[in-house]
């Protein structure tokens, strides 16, 4: 098992009740559910930041879609209202 350490944080009453309900429903401790939520949050945000950095690097290199490319993509993924 990975080494763990204690983290103390303040939650508003509503969020704490939600955490308690979810942990009971999952038959897990509040600590487990909170740690899992933090893991997922960090993974998502690290991914987003990395993708943003890649996009900025592409833009810095001048790698942009042409106007026609953008129009083709929009036409492909949108429906016209009749």
PDB file of N, CA and C in Angstrom:
ATOM      1  N   UNK A   1       0.839  -1.187   0.000  1.00  0.00           N
ATOM      2  CA  UNK A   1       0.000   0.000   0.000  1.00  0.00           C
ATOM      3  C   UNK A   1       0.879   1.243   0.000  1.00  0.00           C
ATOM      4  N   UNK A   2       0.462   2.245  -0.748  1.00  0.00           N
ATOM      5  CA  UNK A   2       1.219   3.491  -0.815  1.00  0.00           C
ATOM      6  C   UNK A   2       1.186   4.205   0.529  1.00  0.00           C
ATOM      7  N   UNK A   3       2.260   4.915   0.804  1.00  0.00           N
ATOM      8  CA  UNK A   3       2.324   5.680   2.037  1.00  0.00           C
ATOM      9  C   UNK A   3       1.257   6.766   2.010  1.00  0.00           C
ATOM     10  N   UNK A   4       0.631   7.008   3.141  1.00  0.00           N
ATOM     11  CA  UNK A   4      -0.391   8.047   3.192  1.00  0.00           C
ATOM     12  C   UNK A   4      -0.062   9.036   4.296  1.00  0.00           C
ATOM     13  N   UNK A   5      -0.678  10.191   4.211  1.00  0.00           N
ATOM     14  CA  UNK A   5      -0.521  11.207   5.246  1.00  0.00           C
ATOM     15  C   UNK A   5      -1.864  11.862   5.484  1.00  0.00           C
ATOM     16  N   UNK A   6      -1.961  12.576   6.569  1.00  0.00           N
ATOM     17  CA  UNK A   6      -3.221  13.196   6.973  1.00  0.00           C
ATOM     18  C   UNK A   6      -3.328  14.579   6.338  1.00  0.00           C
ATOM     19  N   UNK A   7      -4.524  14.893   5.860  1.00  0.00           N
ATOM     20  CA  UNK A   7      -4.841  16.209   5.313  1.00  0.00           C
ATOM     21  C   UNK A   7      -6.116  16.675   5.994  1.00  0.00           C
ATOM     22  N   UNK A   8      -6.088  17.835   6.569  1.00  0.00           N
ATOM     23  CA  UNK A   8      -7.272  18.386   7.215  1.00  0.00           C
ATOM     24  C   UNK A   8      -7.841  19.471   6.317  1.00  0.00           C
ATOM     25  N   UNK A   9      -9.169  19.435   6.117  1.00  0.00           N
ATOM     26  CA  UNK A   9      -9.790  20.474   5.315  1.00  0.00           C
ATOM     27  C   UNK A   9     -11.152  20.810   5.871  1.00  0.00           C
ATOM     28  N   UNK A  10     -11.626  21.978   5.531  1.00  0.00           N
ATOM     29  CA  UNK A  10     -12.942  22.425   5.979  1.00  0.00           C
ATOM     30  C   UNK A  10     -13.927  22.277   4.823  1.00  0.00           C
ATOM     31  N   UNK A  11     -15.090  21.725   5.164  1.00  0.00           N
ATOM     32  CA  UNK A  11     -16.175  21.587   4.196  1.00  0.00           C
ATOM     33  C   UNK A  11     -17.398  22.304   4.737  1.00  0.00           C
ATOM     34  N   UNK A  12     -18.171  22.892   3.849  1.00  0.00           N
ATOM     35  CA  UNK A  12     -19.425  23.455   4.341  1.00  0.00           C
ATOM     36  C   UNK A  12     -20.348  22.293   4.717  1.00  0.00           C
ATOM     37  N   UNK A  13     -21.350  22.576   5.508  1.00  0.00           N
ATOM     38  CA  UNK A  13     -22.203  21.530   6.073  1.00  0.00           C
ATOM     39  C   UNK A  13     -22.889  20.695   4.986  1.00  0.00           C
ATOM     40  N   UNK A  14     -23.351  21.338   3.935  1.00  0.00           N
ATOM     41  CA  UNK A  14     -24.041  20.622   2.860  1.00  0.00           C
ATOM     42  C   UNK A  14     -23.100  19.631   2.177  1.00  0.00           C
ATOM     43  N   UNK A  15     -21.888  20.067   1.871  1.00  0.00           N
ATOM     44  CA  UNK A  15     -20.919  19.197   1.209  1.00  0.00           C
ATOM     45  C   UNK A  15     -20.539  18.022   2.112  1.00  0.00           C
ATOM     46  N   UNK A  16     -20.414  18.285   3.398  1.00  0.00           N
ATOM     47  CA  UNK A  16     -20.095  17.211   4.339  1.00  0.00           C
ATOM     48  C   UNK A  16     -21.216  16.178   4.384  1.00  0.00           C
ATOM     49  N   UNK A  17     -22.460  16.644   4.394  1.00  0.00           N
ATOM     50  CA  UNK A  17     -23.598  15.706   4.388  1.00  0.00           C
ATOM     51  C   UNK A  17     -23.610  14.871   3.112  1.00  0.00           C
ATOM     52  N   UNK A  18     -23.305  15.509   1.983  1.00  0.00           N
ATOM     53  CA  UNK A  18     -23.234  14.764   0.721  1.00  0.00           C
ATOM     54  C   UNK A  18     -22.152  13.695   0.787  1.00  0.00           C
ATOM     55  N   UNK A  19     -21.003  14.050   1.330  1.00  0.00           N
ATOM     56  CA  UNK A  19     -19.902  13.105   1.472  1.00  0.00           C
ATOM     57  C   UNK A  19     -20.315  11.942   2.379  1.00  0.00           C
ATOM     58  N   UNK A  20     -20.975  12.252   3.464  1.00  0.00           N
ATOM     59  CA  UNK A  20     -21.429  11.205   4.385  1.00  0.00           C
ATOM     60  C   UNK A  20     -22.430  10.272   3.713  1.00  0.00           C
ATOM     61  N   UNK A  21     -23.398  10.838   2.990  1.00  0.00           N
ATOM     62  CA  UNK A  21     -24.397  10.005   2.296  1.00  0.00           C
ATOM     63  C   UNK A  21     -23.739   9.102   1.267  1.00  0.00           C
ATOM     64  N   UNK A  22     -22.835   9.674   0.492  1.00  0.00           N
ATOM     65  CA  UNK A  22     -22.177   8.884  -0.550  1.00  0.00           C
ATOM     66  C   UNK A  22     -21.310   7.796   0.057  1.00  0.00           C
ATOM     67  N   UNK A  23     -20.583   8.116   1.093  1.00  0.00           N
ATOM     68  CA  UNK A  23     -19.715   7.104   1.704  1.00  0.00           C
ATOM     69  C   UNK A  23     -20.547   5.959   2.282  1.00  0.00           C
ATOM     70  N   UNK A  24     -21.695   6.268   2.875  1.00  0.00           N
ATOM     71  CA  UNK A  24     -22.576   5.205   3.386  1.00  0.00           C
ATOM     72  C   UNK A  24     -23.127   4.363   2.235  1.00  0.00           C
ATOM     73  N   UNK A  25     -23.560   5.015   1.176  1.00  0.00           N
ATOM     74  CA  UNK A  25     -24.112   4.292   0.028  1.00  0.00           C
ATOM     75  C   UNK A  25     -23.073   3.382  -0.609  1.00  0.00           C
ATOM     76  N   UNK A  26     -21.820   3.808  -0.584  1.00  0.00           N
ATOM     77  CA  UNK A  26     -20.739   3.020  -1.177  1.00  0.00           C
ATOM     78  C   UNK A  26     -20.133   2.026  -0.190  1.00  0.00           C
ATOM     79  N   UNK A  27     -20.558   2.125   1.065  1.00  0.00           N
ATOM     80  CA  UNK A  27     -19.986   1.312   2.141  1.00  0.00           C
ATOM     81  C   UNK A  27     -18.472   1.515   2.220  1.00  0.00           C
ATOM     82  N   UNK A  28     -18.089   2.779   2.133  1.00  0.00           N
ATOM     83  CA  UNK A  28     -16.681   3.184   2.203  1.00  0.00           C
ATOM     84  C   UNK A  28     -16.554   4.290   3.234  1.00  0.00           C
ATOM     85  N   UNK A  29     -15.348   4.524   3.683  1.00  0.00           N
ATOM     86  CA  UNK A  29     -15.113   5.613   4.629  1.00  0.00           C
ATOM     87  C   UNK A  29     -15.183   6.959   3.914  1.00  0.00           C
ATOM     88  N   UNK A  30     -15.454   8.001   4.696  1.00  0.00           N
ATOM     89  CA  UNK A  30     -15.443   9.346   4.120  1.00  0.00           C
ATOM     90  C   UNK A  30     -14.058   9.661   3.560  1.00  0.00           C
ATOM     91  N   UNK A  31     -13.024   9.212   4.255  1.00  0.00           N
ATOM     92  CA  UNK A  31     -11.661   9.459   3.777  1.00  0.00           C
ATOM     93  C   UNK A  31     -11.417   8.822   2.420  1.00  0.00           C
ATOM     94  N   UNK A  32     -11.908   7.585   2.243  1.00  0.00           N
ATOM     95  CA  UNK A  32     -11.727   6.912   0.957  1.00  0.00           C
ATOM     96  C   UNK A  32     -12.428   7.684  -0.151  1.00  0.00           C
ATOM     97  N   UNK A  33     -13.683   8.060   0.085  1.00  0.00           N
ATOM     98  CA  UNK A  33     -14.458   8.757  -0.944  1.00  0.00           C
ATOM     99  C   UNK A  33     -13.835  10.115  -1.259  1.00  0.00           C
ATOM    100  N   UNK A  34     -13.406  10.841  -0.234  1.00  0.00           N
ATOM    101  CA  UNK A  34     -12.788  12.151  -0.455  1.00  0.00           C
ATOM    102  C   UNK A  34     -11.475  12.000  -1.216  1.00  0.00           C
ATOM    103  N   UNK A  35     -10.666  11.013  -0.847  1.00  0.00           N
ATOM    104  CA  UNK A  35      -9.389  10.801  -1.540  1.00  0.00           C
ATOM    105  C   UNK A  35      -9.626  10.422  -2.999  1.00  0.00           C
ATOM    106  N   UNK A  36     -10.633   9.587  -3.248  1.00  0.00           N
ATOM    107  CA  UNK A  36     -10.946   9.197  -4.628  1.00  0.00           C
ATOM    108  C   UNK A  36     -11.409  10.408  -5.439  1.00  0.00           C
ATOM    109  N   UNK A  37     -12.219  11.255  -4.827  1.00  0.00           N
ATOM    110  CA  UNK A  37     -12.689  12.474  -5.510  1.00  0.00           C
ATOM    111  C   UNK A  37     -11.509  13.382  -5.846  1.00  0.00           C
ATOM    112  N   UNK A  38     -10.584  13.523  -4.925  1.00  0.00           N
ATOM    113  CA  UNK A  38      -9.403  14.359  -5.171  1.00  0.00           C
ATOM    114  C   UNK A  38      -8.547  13.751  -6.273  1.00  0.00           C
ATOM    115  N   UNK A  39      -8.364  12.421  -6.251  1.00  0.00           N
ATOM    116  CA  UNK A  39      -7.588  11.752  -7.316  1.00  0.00           C
ATOM    117  C   UNK A  39      -8.193  12.031  -8.690  1.00  0.00           C
ATOM    118  N   UNK A  40      -9.510  11.861  -8.799  1.00  0.00           N
ATOM    119  CA  UNK A  40     -10.176  12.082 -10.085  1.00  0.00           C
ATOM    120  C   UNK A  40     -10.086  13.540 -10.516  1.00  0.00           C
ATOM    121  N   UNK A  41     -10.259  14.461  -9.578  1.00  0.00           N
ATOM    122  CA  UNK A  41     -10.170  15.888  -9.883  1.00  0.00           C
ATOM    123  C   UNK A  41      -8.780  16.243 -10.401  1.00  0.00           C
ATOM    124  N   UNK A  42      -7.769  15.748  -9.713  1.00  0.00           N
ATOM    125  CA  UNK A  42      -6.393  16.039 -10.124  1.00  0.00           C
ATOM    126  C   UNK A  42      -6.083  15.438 -11.494  1.00  0.00           C
ATOM    127  N   UNK A  43      -6.508  14.210 -11.720  1.00  0.00           N
ATOM    128  CA  UNK A  43      -6.247  13.565 -13.012  1.00  0.00           C
ATOM    129  C   UNK A  43      -6.899  14.355 -14.144  1.00  0.00           C
ATOM    130  N   UNK A  44      -8.146  14.746 -13.956  1.00  0.00           N
ATOM    131  CA  UNK A  44      -8.854  15.502 -14.990  1.00  0.00           C
ATOM    132  C   UNK A  44      -8.169  16.835 -15.259  1.00  0.00           C
ATOM    133  N   UNK A  45      -7.846  17.562 -14.199  1.00  0.00           N
ATOM    134  CA  UNK A  45      -7.244  18.876 -14.383  1.00  0.00           C
ATOM    135  C   UNK A  45      -5.828  18.796 -14.927  1.00  0.00           C
ATOM    136  N   UNK A  46      -5.058  17.797 -14.526  1.00  0.00           N
ATOM    137  CA  UNK A  46      -3.725  17.622 -15.116  1.00  0.00           C
ATOM    138  C   UNK A  46      -3.830  17.338 -16.603  1.00  0.00           C
ATOM    139  N   UNK A  47      -4.804  16.509 -16.989  1.00  0.00           N
ATOM    140  CA  UNK A  47      -5.019  16.202 -18.410  1.00  0.00           C
ATOM    141  C   UNK A  47      -5.393  17.472 -19.167  1.00  0.00           C
ATOM    142  N   UNK A  48      -6.338  18.245 -18.610  1.00  0.00           N
ATOM    143  CA  UNK A  48      -6.766  19.470 -19.290  1.00  0.00           C
ATOM    144  C   UNK A  48      -5.601  20.440 -19.467  1.00  0.00           C
ATOM    145  N   UNK A  49      -4.820  20.624 -18.426  1.00  0.00           N
ATOM    146  CA  UNK A  49      -3.691  21.549 -18.509  1.00  0.00           C
ATOM    147  C   UNK A  49      -2.689  21.076 -19.554  1.00  0.00           C
ATOM    148  N   UNK A  50      -2.422  19.787 -19.596  1.00  0.00           N
ATOM    149  CA  UNK A  50      -1.481  19.258 -20.592  1.00  0.00           C
ATOM    150  C   UNK A  50      -2.011  19.483 -22.015  1.00  0.00           C
ATOM    151  N   UNK A  51      -3.297  19.247 -22.214  1.00  0.00           N
ATOM    152  CA  UNK A  51      -3.886  19.470 -23.543  1.00  0.00           C
ATOM    153  C   UNK A  51      -3.846  20.948 -23.924  1.00  0.00           C
ATOM    154  N   UNK A  52      -4.086  21.829 -22.976  1.00  0.00           N
ATOM    155  CA  UNK A  52      -4.004  23.267 -23.238  1.00  0.00           C
ATOM    156  C   UNK A  52      -2.583  23.644 -23.635  1.00  0.00           C
ATOM    157  N   UNK A  53      -1.598  23.124 -22.899  1.00  0.00           N
ATOM    158  CA  UNK A  53      -0.199  23.411 -23.229  1.00  0.00           C
ATOM    159  C   UNK A  53       0.142  22.934 -24.634  1.00  0.00           C
ATOM    160  N   UNK A  54      -0.355  21.753 -25.003  1.00  0.00           N
ATOM    161  CA  UNK A  54      -0.111  21.244 -26.363  1.00  0.00           C
ATOM    162  C   UNK A  54      -0.743  22.172 -27.394  1.00  0.00           C
ATOM    163  N   UNK A  55      -1.968  22.631 -27.121  1.00  0.00           N
ATOM    164  CA  UNK A  55      -2.650  23.532 -28.046  1.00  0.00           C
ATOM    165  C   UNK A  55      -1.924  24.859 -28.193  1.00  0.00           C
ATOM    166  N   UNK A  56      -1.445  25.390 -27.091  1.00  0.00           N
ATOM    167  CA  UNK A  56      -0.697  26.649 -27.140  1.00  0.00           C
ATOM    168  C   UNK A  56       0.593  26.462 -27.933  1.00  0.00           C
ATOM    169  N   UNK A  57       1.273  25.331 -27.718  1.00  0.00           N
ATOM    170  CA  UNK A  57       2.512  25.063 -28.461  1.00  0.00           C
ATOM    171  C   UNK A  57       2.222  24.963 -29.962  1.00  0.00           C
ATOM    172  N   UNK A  58       1.122  24.299 -30.322  1.00  0.00           N
ATOM    173  CA  UNK A  58       0.746  24.215 -31.739  1.00  0.00           C
ATOM    174  C   UNK A  58       0.471  25.604 -32.300  1.00  0.00           C
ATOM    175  N   UNK A  59      -0.255  26.414 -31.536  1.00  0.00           N
ATOM    176  CA  UNK A  59      -0.561  27.772 -31.993  1.00  0.00           C
ATOM    177  C   UNK A  59       0.716  28.593 -32.142  1.00  0.00           C
ATOM    178  N   UNK A  60       1.625  28.436 -31.185  1.00  0.00           N
ATOM    179  CA  UNK A  60       2.902  29.158 -31.275  1.00  0.00           C
ATOM    180  C   UNK A  60       3.687  28.764 -32.523  1.00  0.00           C
ATOM    181  N   UNK A  61       3.507  27.516 -32.975  1.00  0.00           N
ATOM    182  CA  UNK A  61       4.184  27.067 -34.198  1.00  0.00           C
ATOM    183  C   UNK A  61       3.397  27.450 -35.450  1.00  0.00           C
ATOM    184  N   UNK A  62       2.238  28.081 -35.257  1.00  0.00           N
ATOM    185  CA  UNK A  62       1.425  28.504 -36.390  1.00  0.00           C
ATOM    186  C   UNK A  62       0.563  27.400 -36.966  1.00  0.00           C
ATOM    187  N   UNK A  63       0.351  26.353 -36.212  1.00  0.00           N
ATOM    188  CA  UNK A  63      -0.449  25.220 -36.690  1.00  0.00           C
ATOM    189  C   UNK A  63      -1.926  25.466 -36.375  1.00  0.00           C
ATOM    190  N   UNK A  64      -2.584  26.174 -37.278  1.00  0.00           N
ATOM    191  CA  UNK A  64      -3.986  26.497 -37.125  1.00  0.00           C
ATOM    192  C   UNK A  64      -4.797  25.811 -38.211  1.00  0.00           C
ATOM    193  N   UNK A  65      -6.067  25.560 -37.917  1.00  0.00           N
ATOM    194  CA  UNK A  65      -6.980  25.062 -38.940  1.00  0.00           C
ATOM    195  C   UNK A  65      -7.333  26.235 -39.860  1.00  0.00           C
ATOM    196  N   UNK A  66      -7.492  25.937 -41.121  1.00  0.00           N
ATOM    197  CA  UNK A  66      -7.894  26.992 -42.053  1.00  0.00           C
ATOM    198  C   UNK A  66      -9.379  27.288 -41.839  1.00  0.00           C
ATOM    199  N   UNK A  67      -9.811  28.406 -42.374  1.00  0.00           N
ATOM    200  CA  UNK A  67     -11.229  28.750 -42.294  1.00  0.00           C
ATOM    201  C   UNK A  67     -12.108  27.686 -42.923  1.00  0.00           C
ATOM    202  N   UNK A  68     -11.643  27.129 -44.037  1.00  0.00           N
ATOM    203  CA  UNK A  68     -12.410  26.068 -44.713  1.00  0.00           C
ATOM    204  C   UNK A  68     -12.469  24.802 -43.856  1.00  0.00           C
ATOM    205  N   UNK A  69     -11.363  24.477 -43.166  1.00  0.00           N
ATOM    206  CA  UNK A  69     -11.367  23.314 -42.270  1.00  0.00           C
ATOM    207  C   UNK A  69     -12.386  23.488 -41.150  1.00  0.00           C
ATOM    208  N   UNK A  70     -12.411  24.668 -40.584  1.00  0.00           N
ATOM    209  CA  UNK A  70     -13.355  24.952 -39.496  1.00  0.00           C
ATOM    210  C   UNK A  70     -14.785  24.863 -40.012  1.00  0.00           C
ATOM    211  N   UNK A  71     -15.045  25.443 -41.169  1.00  0.00           N
ATOM    212  CA  UNK A  71     -16.390  25.415 -41.747  1.00  0.00           C
ATOM    213  C   UNK A  71     -16.834  23.986 -42.039  1.00  0.00           C
ATOM    214  N   UNK A  72     -15.945  23.169 -42.607  1.00  0.00           N
ATOM    215  CA  UNK A  72     -16.272  21.765 -42.884  1.00  0.00           C
ATOM    216  C   UNK A  72     -16.621  21.019 -41.598  1.00  0.00           C
ATOM    217  N   UNK A  73     -15.846  21.248 -40.560  1.00  0.00           N
ATOM    218  CA  UNK A  73     -16.092  20.568 -39.289  1.00  0.00           C
ATOM    219  C   UNK A  73     -17.418  21.013 -38.690  1.00  0.00           C
ATOM    220  N   UNK A  74     -17.681  22.305 -38.708  1.00  0.00           N
ATOM    221  CA  UNK A  74     -18.955  22.802 -38.182  1.00  0.00           C
ATOM    222  C   UNK A  74     -20.128  22.232 -38.957  1.00  0.00           C
ATOM    223  N   UNK A  75     -20.022  22.203 -40.266  1.00  0.00           N
ATOM    224  CA  UNK A  75     -21.095  21.642 -41.083  1.00  0.00           C
ATOM    225  C   UNK A  75     -21.290  20.160 -40.809  1.00  0.00           C
ATOM    226  N   UNK A  76     -20.221  19.467 -40.530  1.00  0.00           N
ATOM    227  CA  UNK A  76     -20.302  18.031 -40.255  1.00  0.00           C
ATOM    228  C   UNK A  76     -21.024  17.765 -38.939  1.00  0.00           C
ATOM    229  N   UNK A  77     -20.790  18.606 -37.936  1.00  0.00           N
ATOM    230  CA  UNK A  77     -21.286  18.319 -36.590  1.00  0.00           C
ATOM    231  C   UNK A  77     -22.510  19.133 -36.181  1.00  0.00           C
ATOM    232  N   UNK A  78     -23.032  19.962 -37.051  1.00  0.00           N
ATOM    233  CA  UNK A  78     -24.240  20.719 -36.714  1.00  0.00           C
ATOM    234  C   UNK A  78     -25.315  20.423 -37.737  1.00  0.00           C
ATOM    235  N   UNK A  79     -26.551  20.505 -37.269  1.00  0.00           N
ATOM    236  CA  UNK A  79     -27.688  20.334 -38.173  1.00  0.00           C
ATOM    237  C   UNK A  79     -28.342  21.682 -38.378  1.00  0.00           C
ATOM    238  N   UNK A  80     -28.803  21.867 -39.552  1.00  0.00           N
ATOM    239  CA  UNK A  80     -29.488  23.121 -39.846  1.00  0.00           C
ATOM    240  C   UNK A  80     -30.950  23.012 -39.392  1.00  0.00           C
ATOM    241  N   UNK A  81     -31.447  24.080 -38.754  1.00  0.00           N
ATOM    242  CA  UNK A  81     -32.858  24.112 -38.329  1.00  0.00           C
ATOM    243  C   UNK A  81     -33.718  24.376 -39.557  1.00  0.00           C
ATOM    244  N   UNK A  82     -34.738  23.598 -39.705  1.00  0.00           N
ATOM    245  CA  UNK A  82     -35.656  23.788 -40.853  1.00  0.00           C
ATOM    246  C   UNK A  82     -36.819  24.644 -40.475  1.00  0.00           C
TER     247      UNK A  82
END
